[in-house]
Amino acid sequence: MKQSTGDIKKIPVTINETTYLVPSGITILEACKLANVYIPSLCYHPDLPASGHCELCLVKIDGLGYAYSCMTHVREKMQIQTDSPDVIE
């Protein structure tokens, strides 16, 4: 399991079948950046509220549904897919 740095409570999330420990309370987009997993985005800026308007940061969650990674916060044991064919389309 790969771990990010810092003193904040860490939770396990799986991104493209690799498990990482990431700070709780962050978005999927932020978690993927910490894990060096690229997710395209045009409308995201860390100093502005997330809007999801560009729709480029769509990911698959827990194999069931889709979410905008800029607006969705990580949950413990969340399964995130950024590279599945249906997400890439």
C-alpha atoms as a PDB file:
ATOM      1  CA  MET A   1       0.000   0.000   0.000  1.00  0.00           C
ATOM      2  CA  LYS A   2       1.433   3.388  -0.995  1.00  0.00           C
ATOM      3  CA  GLN A   3       1.197   6.221   1.530  1.00  0.00           C
ATOM      4  CA  SER A   4       1.115   9.973   0.985  1.00  0.00           C
ATOM      5  CA  THR A   5       2.817  12.358   3.382  1.00  0.00           C
ATOM      6  CA  GLY A   6       1.405  14.490   6.224  1.00  0.00           C
ATOM      7  CA  ASP A   7      -0.094  14.160   9.713  1.00  0.00           C
ATOM      8  CA  ILE A   8      -3.788  14.108   8.720  1.00  0.00           C
ATOM      9  CA  LYS A   9      -5.823  10.893   9.182  1.00  0.00           C
ATOM     10  CA  LYS A  10      -5.223   8.622   6.201  1.00  0.00           C
ATOM     11  CA  ILE A  11      -7.771   6.348   4.605  1.00  0.00           C
ATOM     12  CA  PRO A  12      -7.250   3.581   2.044  1.00  0.00           C
ATOM     13  CA  VAL A  13      -8.615   4.099  -1.461  1.00  0.00           C
ATOM     14  CA  THR A  14      -7.966   2.031  -4.552  1.00  0.00           C
ATOM     15  CA  ILE A  15      -7.191   3.870  -7.781  1.00  0.00           C
ATOM     16  CA  ASN A  16      -6.911   1.717 -10.894  1.00  0.00           C
ATOM     17  CA  GLU A  17      -6.270  -1.381  -8.768  1.00  0.00           C
ATOM     18  CA  THR A  18      -3.503   0.135  -6.630  1.00  0.00           C
ATOM     19  CA  THR A  19      -4.304   0.946  -3.001  1.00  0.00           C
ATOM     20  CA  TYR A  20      -3.112   4.253  -1.545  1.00  0.00           C
ATOM     21  CA  LEU A  21      -3.427   5.891   1.846  1.00  0.00           C
ATOM     22  CA  VAL A  22      -4.664   9.436   1.293  1.00  0.00           C
ATOM     23  CA  PRO A  23      -5.786  12.217   3.638  1.00  0.00           C
ATOM     24  CA  SER A  24      -9.462  12.014   4.551  1.00  0.00           C
ATOM     25  CA  GLY A  25     -11.592  14.947   3.440  1.00  0.00           C
ATOM     26  CA  ILE A  26      -9.956  15.467   0.042  1.00  0.00           C
ATOM     27  CA  THR A  27     -11.549  15.053  -3.369  1.00  0.00           C
ATOM     28  CA  ILE A  28     -10.913  12.162  -5.727  1.00  0.00           C
ATOM     29  CA  LEU A  29      -9.087  14.578  -8.031  1.00  0.00           C
ATOM     30  CA  GLU A  30      -6.759  15.627  -5.215  1.00  0.00           C
ATOM     31  CA  ALA A  31      -6.189  11.985  -4.208  1.00  0.00           C
ATOM     32  CA  CYS A  32      -5.306  11.072  -7.781  1.00  0.00           C
ATOM     33  CA  LYS A  33      -2.859  13.966  -7.982  1.00  0.00           C
ATOM     34  CA  LEU A  34      -1.169  12.716  -4.795  1.00  0.00           C
ATOM     35  CA  ALA A  35      -0.992   9.243  -6.360  1.00  0.00           C
ATOM     36  CA  ASN A  36       0.397  10.649  -9.632  1.00  0.00           C
ATOM     37  CA  VAL A  37      -2.671   9.444 -11.532  1.00  0.00           C
ATOM     38  CA  TYR A  38      -3.625  11.927 -14.242  1.00  0.00           C
ATOM     39  CA  ILE A  39      -7.243  13.051 -14.545  1.00  0.00           C
ATOM     40  CA  PRO A  40      -7.944  15.773 -17.118  1.00  0.00           C
ATOM     41  CA  SER A  41      -9.773  18.870 -15.934  1.00  0.00           C
ATOM     42  CA  LEU A  42     -10.402  22.356 -17.272  1.00  0.00           C
ATOM     43  CA  CYS A  43     -12.647  24.002 -14.697  1.00  0.00           C
ATOM     44  CA  TYR A  44     -10.857  22.915 -11.505  1.00  0.00           C
ATOM     45  CA  HIS A  45      -8.817  25.406  -9.471  1.00  0.00           C
ATOM     46  CA  PRO A  46      -7.877  24.734  -5.821  1.00  0.00           C
ATOM     47  CA  ASP A  47      -8.845  28.275  -4.756  1.00  0.00           C
ATOM     48  CA  LEU A  48     -12.317  28.198  -6.330  1.00  0.00           C
ATOM     49  CA  PRO A  49     -15.432  26.125  -5.608  1.00  0.00           C
ATOM     50  CA  ALA A  50     -15.724  22.975  -7.729  1.00  0.00           C
ATOM     51  CA  SER A  51     -18.313  23.104 -10.470  1.00  0.00           C
ATOM     52  CA  GLY A  52     -17.954  19.985 -12.630  1.00  0.00           C
ATOM     53  CA  HIS A  53     -18.901  22.043 -15.684  1.00  0.00           C
ATOM     54  CA  CYS A  54     -16.166  20.775 -17.976  1.00  0.00           C
ATOM     55  CA  GLU A  55     -17.127  17.126 -17.271  1.00  0.00           C
ATOM     56  CA  LEU A  56     -13.576  15.958 -18.078  1.00  0.00           C
ATOM     57  CA  CYS A  57     -12.793  14.638 -14.598  1.00  0.00           C
ATOM     58  CA  LEU A  58     -15.422  11.892 -14.663  1.00  0.00           C
ATOM     59  CA  VAL A  59     -14.394   8.665 -12.893  1.00  0.00           C
ATOM     60  CA  LYS A  60     -16.072   5.368 -12.100  1.00  0.00           C
ATOM     61  CA  ILE A  61     -16.671   4.657  -8.415  1.00  0.00           C
ATOM     62  CA  ASP A  62     -16.986   1.207  -6.841  1.00  0.00           C
ATOM     63  CA  GLY A  63     -17.730  -0.217 -10.302  1.00  0.00           C
ATOM     64  CA  LEU A  64     -21.300   1.042 -10.026  1.00  0.00           C
ATOM     65  CA  GLY A  65     -21.601   4.662 -10.986  1.00  0.00           C
ATOM     66  CA  TYR A  66     -19.824   7.765 -12.154  1.00  0.00           C
ATOM     67  CA  ALA A  67     -18.821  10.965 -10.378  1.00  0.00           C
ATOM     68  CA  TYR A  68     -16.958  14.176 -11.039  1.00  0.00           C
ATOM     69  CA  SER A  69     -13.629  13.750  -9.280  1.00  0.00           C
ATOM     70  CA  CYS A  70     -13.346  17.490  -8.570  1.00  0.00           C
ATOM     71  CA  MET A  71     -16.557  17.447  -6.501  1.00  0.00           C
ATOM     72  CA  THR A  72     -16.578  13.998  -4.874  1.00  0.00           C
ATOM     73  CA  HIS A  73     -14.723  13.347  -1.629  1.00  0.00           C
ATOM     74  CA  VAL A  74     -12.907  10.087  -1.026  1.00  0.00           C
ATOM     75  CA  ARG A  75     -14.385   7.472   1.292  1.00  0.00           C
ATOM     76  CA  GLU A  76     -12.592   4.698   3.077  1.00  0.00           C
ATOM     77  CA  LYS A  77     -12.058   1.673   0.803  1.00  0.00           C
ATOM     78  CA  MET A  78     -13.465   3.541  -2.221  1.00  0.00           C
ATOM     79  CA  GLN A  79     -12.671   1.879  -5.562  1.00  0.00           C
ATOM     80  CA  ILE A  80     -11.867   4.494  -8.223  1.00  0.00           C
ATOM     81  CA  GLN A  81     -11.311   3.786 -11.907  1.00  0.00           C
ATOM     82  CA  THR A  82      -9.873   6.425 -14.202  1.00  0.00           C
ATOM     83  CA  ASP A  83      -8.711   4.147 -17.004  1.00  0.00           C
ATOM     84  CA  SER A  84     -11.701   1.946 -17.849  1.00  0.00           C
ATOM     85  CA  PRO A  85     -12.909   2.180 -21.472  1.00  0.00           C
ATOM     86  CA  ASP A  86     -16.301   3.634 -20.509  1.00  0.00           C
ATOM     87  CA  VAL A  87     -14.630   6.444 -18.542  1.00  0.00           C
ATOM     88  CA  ILE A  88     -12.151   7.242 -21.288  1.00  0.00           C
ATOM     89  CA  GLU A  89     -14.906   7.581 -23.886  1.00  0.00           C
END
